[in-house]
Amino acid sequence: MLETPRVLASIAQPTASIHFLIPCERMPHVFGPAIEELLAVLKEQGVSHAEWAFAHHLKMNPGFFDFELGFTTSAPIQPMGRVQAGHWPAQRAAHTVYHGAYEGLPE
């Protein structure tokens, strides 16, 4: 189920994310392990995070996704392995939440 999209005004926030440039068919295989990797780094550094992860798509070329997967955080992190520190500026953005298995997302 996809919630009705809405426009939100966000505040500036630090982020922790992993950048991916992968073939589209790899997407279902990278999400779970990447979330676990992000959560392990945040836990090790004692930094709290938003309840939901974000996927920030930078480019969507035919056959490839170029995106960041991450969390907004309560404080800046120290980069560790693939997990990089970032920052989201205050901005207006469209927001929605999908509830369900990844395989159902294209529907």
N, C-alpha and C. Protein backbone atom coordinates (compact mmCIF):
# COMPACT_ATOMS: atom_id res chain seq x y z
N MET A 1 0.84 -1.17 0.00
CA MET A 1 0.00 0.00 0.00
C MET A 1 0.89 1.24 0.00
N LEU A 2 0.52 2.20 -0.81
CA LEU A 2 1.25 3.46 -0.90
C LEU A 2 0.41 4.55 -0.25
N GLU A 3 0.99 5.23 0.73
CA GLU A 3 0.28 6.35 1.37
C GLU A 3 0.15 7.49 0.37
N THR A 4 -0.85 8.32 0.57
CA THR A 4 -1.04 9.49 -0.29
C THR A 4 0.17 10.41 -0.17
N PRO A 5 0.80 10.77 -1.29
CA PRO A 5 1.94 11.67 -1.21
C PRO A 5 1.52 13.03 -0.65
N ARG A 6 2.46 13.67 0.06
CA ARG A 6 2.22 15.01 0.58
C ARG A 6 3.53 15.79 0.52
N VAL A 7 3.41 17.09 0.51
CA VAL A 7 4.58 17.96 0.48
C VAL A 7 4.90 18.38 1.90
N LEU A 8 6.15 18.17 2.30
CA LEU A 8 6.59 18.50 3.65
C LEU A 8 7.72 19.53 3.59
N ALA A 9 7.81 20.32 4.62
CA ALA A 9 8.96 21.22 4.79
C ALA A 9 9.85 20.57 5.84
N SER A 10 11.06 20.24 5.45
CA SER A 10 11.96 19.57 6.39
C SER A 10 12.94 20.58 6.99
N ILE A 11 13.57 20.16 8.07
CA ILE A 11 14.62 20.96 8.69
C ILE A 11 15.97 20.40 8.23
N ALA A 12 17.02 21.19 8.35
CA ALA A 12 18.36 20.72 8.03
C ALA A 12 18.72 19.58 8.98
N GLN A 13 19.29 18.50 8.43
CA GLN A 13 19.61 17.34 9.25
C GLN A 13 20.87 16.65 8.74
N PRO A 14 21.69 16.11 9.66
CA PRO A 14 22.80 15.27 9.23
C PRO A 14 22.26 13.92 8.76
N THR A 15 23.03 13.25 7.92
CA THR A 15 22.63 11.94 7.41
C THR A 15 23.79 10.96 7.48
N ALA A 16 23.45 9.69 7.43
CA ALA A 16 24.40 8.59 7.26
C ALA A 16 23.86 7.78 6.10
N SER A 17 24.69 7.56 5.08
CA SER A 17 24.17 6.86 3.90
C SER A 17 25.26 6.07 3.20
N ILE A 18 24.81 5.19 2.32
CA ILE A 18 25.67 4.42 1.44
C ILE A 18 25.24 4.73 0.02
N HIS A 19 26.20 5.05 -0.84
CA HIS A 19 25.92 5.35 -2.24
C HIS A 19 25.98 4.07 -3.07
N PHE A 20 25.03 3.93 -3.98
CA PHE A 20 24.98 2.77 -4.88
C PHE A 20 24.83 3.22 -6.32
N LEU A 21 25.50 2.56 -7.21
CA LEU A 21 25.28 2.65 -8.65
C LEU A 21 25.22 1.20 -9.10
N ILE A 22 23.99 0.69 -9.26
CA ILE A 22 23.81 -0.75 -9.47
C ILE A 22 22.79 -1.01 -10.57
N PRO A 23 22.86 -2.20 -11.18
CA PRO A 23 21.80 -2.60 -12.11
C PRO A 23 20.47 -2.70 -11.36
N CYS A 24 19.39 -2.34 -12.02
CA CYS A 24 18.06 -2.34 -11.39
C CYS A 24 17.73 -3.67 -10.71
N GLU A 25 18.11 -4.77 -11.33
CA GLU A 25 17.73 -6.07 -10.77
C GLU A 25 18.46 -6.38 -9.45
N ARG A 26 19.51 -5.62 -9.13
CA ARG A 26 20.25 -5.82 -7.88
C ARG A 26 19.58 -5.13 -6.69
N MET A 27 18.67 -4.19 -6.96
CA MET A 27 18.05 -3.39 -5.91
C MET A 27 17.49 -4.25 -4.76
N PRO A 28 16.70 -5.29 -5.03
CA PRO A 28 16.15 -6.05 -3.90
C PRO A 28 17.21 -6.73 -3.05
N HIS A 29 18.39 -6.94 -3.60
CA HIS A 29 19.44 -7.67 -2.89
C HIS A 29 20.33 -6.76 -2.04
N VAL A 30 20.31 -5.47 -2.29
CA VAL A 30 21.20 -4.57 -1.55
C VAL A 30 20.51 -3.87 -0.38
N PHE A 31 19.20 -3.70 -0.43
CA PHE A 31 18.51 -2.94 0.62
C PHE A 31 18.72 -3.52 2.02
N GLY A 32 18.37 -4.76 2.21
CA GLY A 32 18.45 -5.37 3.54
C GLY A 32 19.84 -5.31 4.14
N PRO A 33 20.86 -5.83 3.44
CA PRO A 33 22.21 -5.77 3.99
C PRO A 33 22.70 -4.33 4.23
N ALA A 34 22.34 -3.39 3.36
CA ALA A 34 22.77 -2.00 3.54
C ALA A 34 22.13 -1.39 4.79
N ILE A 35 20.85 -1.67 5.02
CA ILE A 35 20.18 -1.16 6.23
C ILE A 35 20.89 -1.71 7.47
N GLU A 36 21.20 -3.01 7.47
CA GLU A 36 21.89 -3.62 8.61
C GLU A 36 23.26 -2.96 8.82
N GLU A 37 23.98 -2.68 7.74
CA GLU A 37 25.29 -2.04 7.82
C GLU A 37 25.16 -0.63 8.41
N LEU A 38 24.19 0.14 7.92
CA LEU A 38 23.96 1.48 8.44
C LEU A 38 23.62 1.45 9.93
N LEU A 39 22.71 0.58 10.32
CA LEU A 39 22.30 0.50 11.72
C LEU A 39 23.45 0.09 12.63
N ALA A 40 24.32 -0.81 12.15
CA ALA A 40 25.47 -1.24 12.95
C ALA A 40 26.43 -0.07 13.19
N VAL A 41 26.68 0.75 12.17
CA VAL A 41 27.57 1.90 12.31
C VAL A 41 26.96 2.92 13.27
N LEU A 42 25.66 3.19 13.11
CA LEU A 42 25.01 4.15 14.00
C LEU A 42 25.03 3.68 15.45
N LYS A 43 24.78 2.40 15.64
CA LYS A 43 24.81 1.85 17.00
C LYS A 43 26.21 1.96 17.59
N GLU A 44 27.22 1.59 16.80
CA GLU A 44 28.60 1.65 17.28
C GLU A 44 29.00 3.07 17.67
N GLN A 45 28.49 4.06 16.94
CA GLN A 45 28.83 5.45 17.23
C GLN A 45 27.87 6.11 18.22
N GLY A 46 26.84 5.39 18.63
CA GLY A 46 25.89 5.93 19.61
C GLY A 46 25.05 7.07 19.08
N VAL A 47 24.75 7.03 17.78
CA VAL A 47 23.97 8.09 17.13
C VAL A 47 22.57 7.56 16.83
N SER A 48 21.55 8.28 17.28
CA SER A 48 20.18 7.85 16.98
C SER A 48 19.81 8.29 15.57
N HIS A 49 18.74 7.68 15.06
CA HIS A 49 18.35 7.89 13.66
C HIS A 49 16.84 7.92 13.52
N ALA A 50 16.40 8.40 12.36
CA ALA A 50 14.97 8.41 12.06
C ALA A 50 14.45 6.98 12.03
N GLU A 51 13.16 6.84 12.22
CA GLU A 51 12.55 5.51 12.23
C GLU A 51 12.64 4.83 10.88
N TRP A 52 12.51 5.61 9.79
CA TRP A 52 12.51 5.03 8.45
C TRP A 52 13.75 5.44 7.68
N ALA A 53 14.19 4.54 6.84
CA ALA A 53 15.31 4.84 5.95
C ALA A 53 14.80 5.66 4.77
N PHE A 54 15.71 6.34 4.10
CA PHE A 54 15.37 7.05 2.87
C PHE A 54 16.16 6.45 1.71
N ALA A 55 15.59 6.55 0.53
CA ALA A 55 16.29 6.24 -0.71
C ALA A 55 16.25 7.51 -1.54
N HIS A 56 17.39 8.13 -1.72
CA HIS A 56 17.49 9.39 -2.47
C HIS A 56 18.06 9.04 -3.84
N HIS A 57 17.19 9.01 -4.83
CA HIS A 57 17.60 8.65 -6.19
C HIS A 57 18.22 9.85 -6.89
N LEU A 58 19.46 9.71 -7.29
CA LEU A 58 20.20 10.78 -7.93
C LEU A 58 19.98 10.78 -9.44
N LYS A 59 20.00 9.60 -10.03
CA LYS A 59 19.75 9.43 -11.47
C LYS A 59 19.07 8.08 -11.66
N MET A 60 18.21 8.00 -12.67
CA MET A 60 17.59 6.72 -13.01
C MET A 60 17.81 6.50 -14.50
N ASN A 61 18.96 5.95 -14.81
CA ASN A 61 19.29 5.63 -16.19
C ASN A 61 18.67 4.28 -16.54
N PRO A 62 18.43 4.03 -17.81
CA PRO A 62 17.89 2.72 -18.19
C PRO A 62 18.78 1.59 -17.67
N GLY A 63 18.21 0.76 -16.85
CA GLY A 63 18.92 -0.41 -16.35
C GLY A 63 19.75 -0.20 -15.10
N PHE A 64 19.96 1.06 -14.65
CA PHE A 64 20.79 1.33 -13.48
C PHE A 64 20.11 2.32 -12.54
N PHE A 65 20.35 2.12 -11.24
CA PHE A 65 19.93 3.07 -10.22
C PHE A 65 21.19 3.70 -9.63
N ASP A 66 21.18 5.01 -9.51
CA ASP A 66 22.23 5.76 -8.85
C ASP A 66 21.54 6.44 -7.66
N PHE A 67 21.79 5.94 -6.46
CA PHE A 67 21.04 6.43 -5.31
C PHE A 67 21.84 6.29 -4.02
N GLU A 68 21.35 7.00 -3.00
CA GLU A 68 21.86 6.88 -1.64
C GLU A 68 20.77 6.22 -0.81
N LEU A 69 21.16 5.32 0.04
CA LEU A 69 20.27 4.70 1.00
C LEU A 69 20.78 5.08 2.37
N GLY A 70 19.91 5.63 3.21
CA GLY A 70 20.41 6.06 4.51
C GLY A 70 19.34 6.45 5.49
N PHE A 71 19.79 7.12 6.54
CA PHE A 71 18.93 7.62 7.61
C PHE A 71 19.33 9.06 7.91
N THR A 72 18.35 9.88 8.28
CA THR A 72 18.69 11.13 8.91
C THR A 72 19.09 10.78 10.34
N THR A 73 20.00 11.56 10.90
CA THR A 73 20.55 11.22 12.21
C THR A 73 20.45 12.41 13.18
N SER A 74 20.62 12.09 14.45
CA SER A 74 20.54 13.12 15.49
C SER A 74 21.81 13.95 15.59
N ALA A 75 22.90 13.45 15.04
CA ALA A 75 24.19 14.14 15.08
C ALA A 75 25.03 13.65 13.91
N PRO A 76 26.02 14.42 13.52
CA PRO A 76 26.91 13.95 12.45
C PRO A 76 27.64 12.67 12.87
N ILE A 77 27.94 11.84 11.89
CA ILE A 77 28.67 10.60 12.15
C ILE A 77 30.09 10.71 11.61
N GLN A 78 30.91 9.78 12.01
CA GLN A 78 32.24 9.61 11.43
C GLN A 78 32.11 8.57 10.32
N PRO A 79 32.59 8.86 9.11
CA PRO A 79 32.53 7.88 8.03
C PRO A 79 33.18 6.56 8.47
N MET A 80 32.58 5.46 8.03
CA MET A 80 33.09 4.15 8.42
C MET A 80 32.76 3.16 7.31
N GLY A 81 33.77 2.62 6.66
CA GLY A 81 33.53 1.69 5.56
C GLY A 81 32.77 2.39 4.45
N ARG A 82 31.67 1.78 4.02
CA ARG A 82 30.84 2.38 2.97
C ARG A 82 29.91 3.47 3.48
N VAL A 83 29.73 3.54 4.78
CA VAL A 83 28.80 4.51 5.37
C VAL A 83 29.46 5.88 5.43
N GLN A 84 28.82 6.85 4.79
CA GLN A 84 29.36 8.20 4.69
C GLN A 84 28.46 9.20 5.42
N ALA A 85 29.08 10.22 5.95
CA ALA A 85 28.34 11.32 6.58
C ALA A 85 27.84 12.25 5.49
N GLY A 86 26.66 12.80 5.69
CA GLY A 86 26.11 13.76 4.75
C GLY A 86 25.23 14.75 5.47
N HIS A 87 24.52 15.55 4.69
CA HIS A 87 23.68 16.59 5.27
C HIS A 87 22.55 16.91 4.29
N TRP A 88 21.34 16.96 4.80
CA TRP A 88 20.21 17.41 4.01
C TRP A 88 19.87 18.83 4.42
N PRO A 89 19.77 19.75 3.47
CA PRO A 89 19.38 21.12 3.83
C PRO A 89 17.89 21.18 4.15
N ALA A 90 17.49 22.26 4.78
CA ALA A 90 16.05 22.50 4.95
C ALA A 90 15.46 22.64 3.55
N GLN A 91 14.34 21.99 3.29
CA GLN A 91 13.78 22.00 1.94
C GLN A 91 12.32 21.56 1.96
N ARG A 92 11.67 21.76 0.84
CA ARG A 92 10.32 21.21 0.63
C ARG A 92 10.50 19.98 -0.24
N ALA A 93 9.81 18.91 0.11
CA ALA A 93 9.97 17.67 -0.64
C ALA A 93 8.66 16.88 -0.63
N ALA A 94 8.44 16.14 -1.71
CA ALA A 94 7.31 15.21 -1.75
C ALA A 94 7.69 13.99 -0.91
N HIS A 95 6.74 13.48 -0.16
CA HIS A 95 7.01 12.37 0.76
C HIS A 95 5.85 11.38 0.67
N THR A 96 6.19 10.11 0.61
CA THR A 96 5.20 9.05 0.73
C THR A 96 5.86 7.86 1.39
N VAL A 97 5.06 6.92 1.85
CA VAL A 97 5.57 5.70 2.48
C VAL A 97 4.89 4.51 1.82
N TYR A 98 5.70 3.54 1.44
CA TYR A 98 5.20 2.28 0.88
C TYR A 98 5.22 1.24 1.99
N HIS A 99 4.11 0.52 2.16
CA HIS A 99 4.01 -0.56 3.13
C HIS A 99 3.88 -1.87 2.36
N GLY A 100 4.82 -2.78 2.54
CA GLY A 100 4.73 -4.06 1.87
C GLY A 100 6.08 -4.57 1.44
N ALA A 101 6.05 -5.74 0.80
CA ALA A 101 7.28 -6.38 0.34
C ALA A 101 7.85 -5.62 -0.85
N TYR A 102 9.17 -5.64 -0.98
CA TYR A 102 9.84 -4.92 -2.06
C TYR A 102 9.29 -5.37 -3.42
N GLU A 103 9.01 -6.64 -3.57
CA GLU A 103 8.53 -7.18 -4.85
C GLU A 103 7.23 -6.52 -5.31
N GLY A 104 6.44 -5.97 -4.40
CA GLY A 104 5.17 -5.33 -4.75
C GLY A 104 5.31 -3.86 -5.13
N LEU A 105 6.51 -3.29 -4.95
CA LEU A 105 6.70 -1.86 -5.19
C LEU A 105 6.38 -1.43 -6.62
N PRO A 106 6.77 -2.17 -7.66
CA PRO A 106 6.46 -1.71 -9.01
C PRO A 106 4.97 -1.54 -9.29
N GLU A 107 4.13 -2.28 -8.59
CA GLU A 107 2.68 -2.16 -8.80
C GLU A 107 2.18 -0.82 -8.32
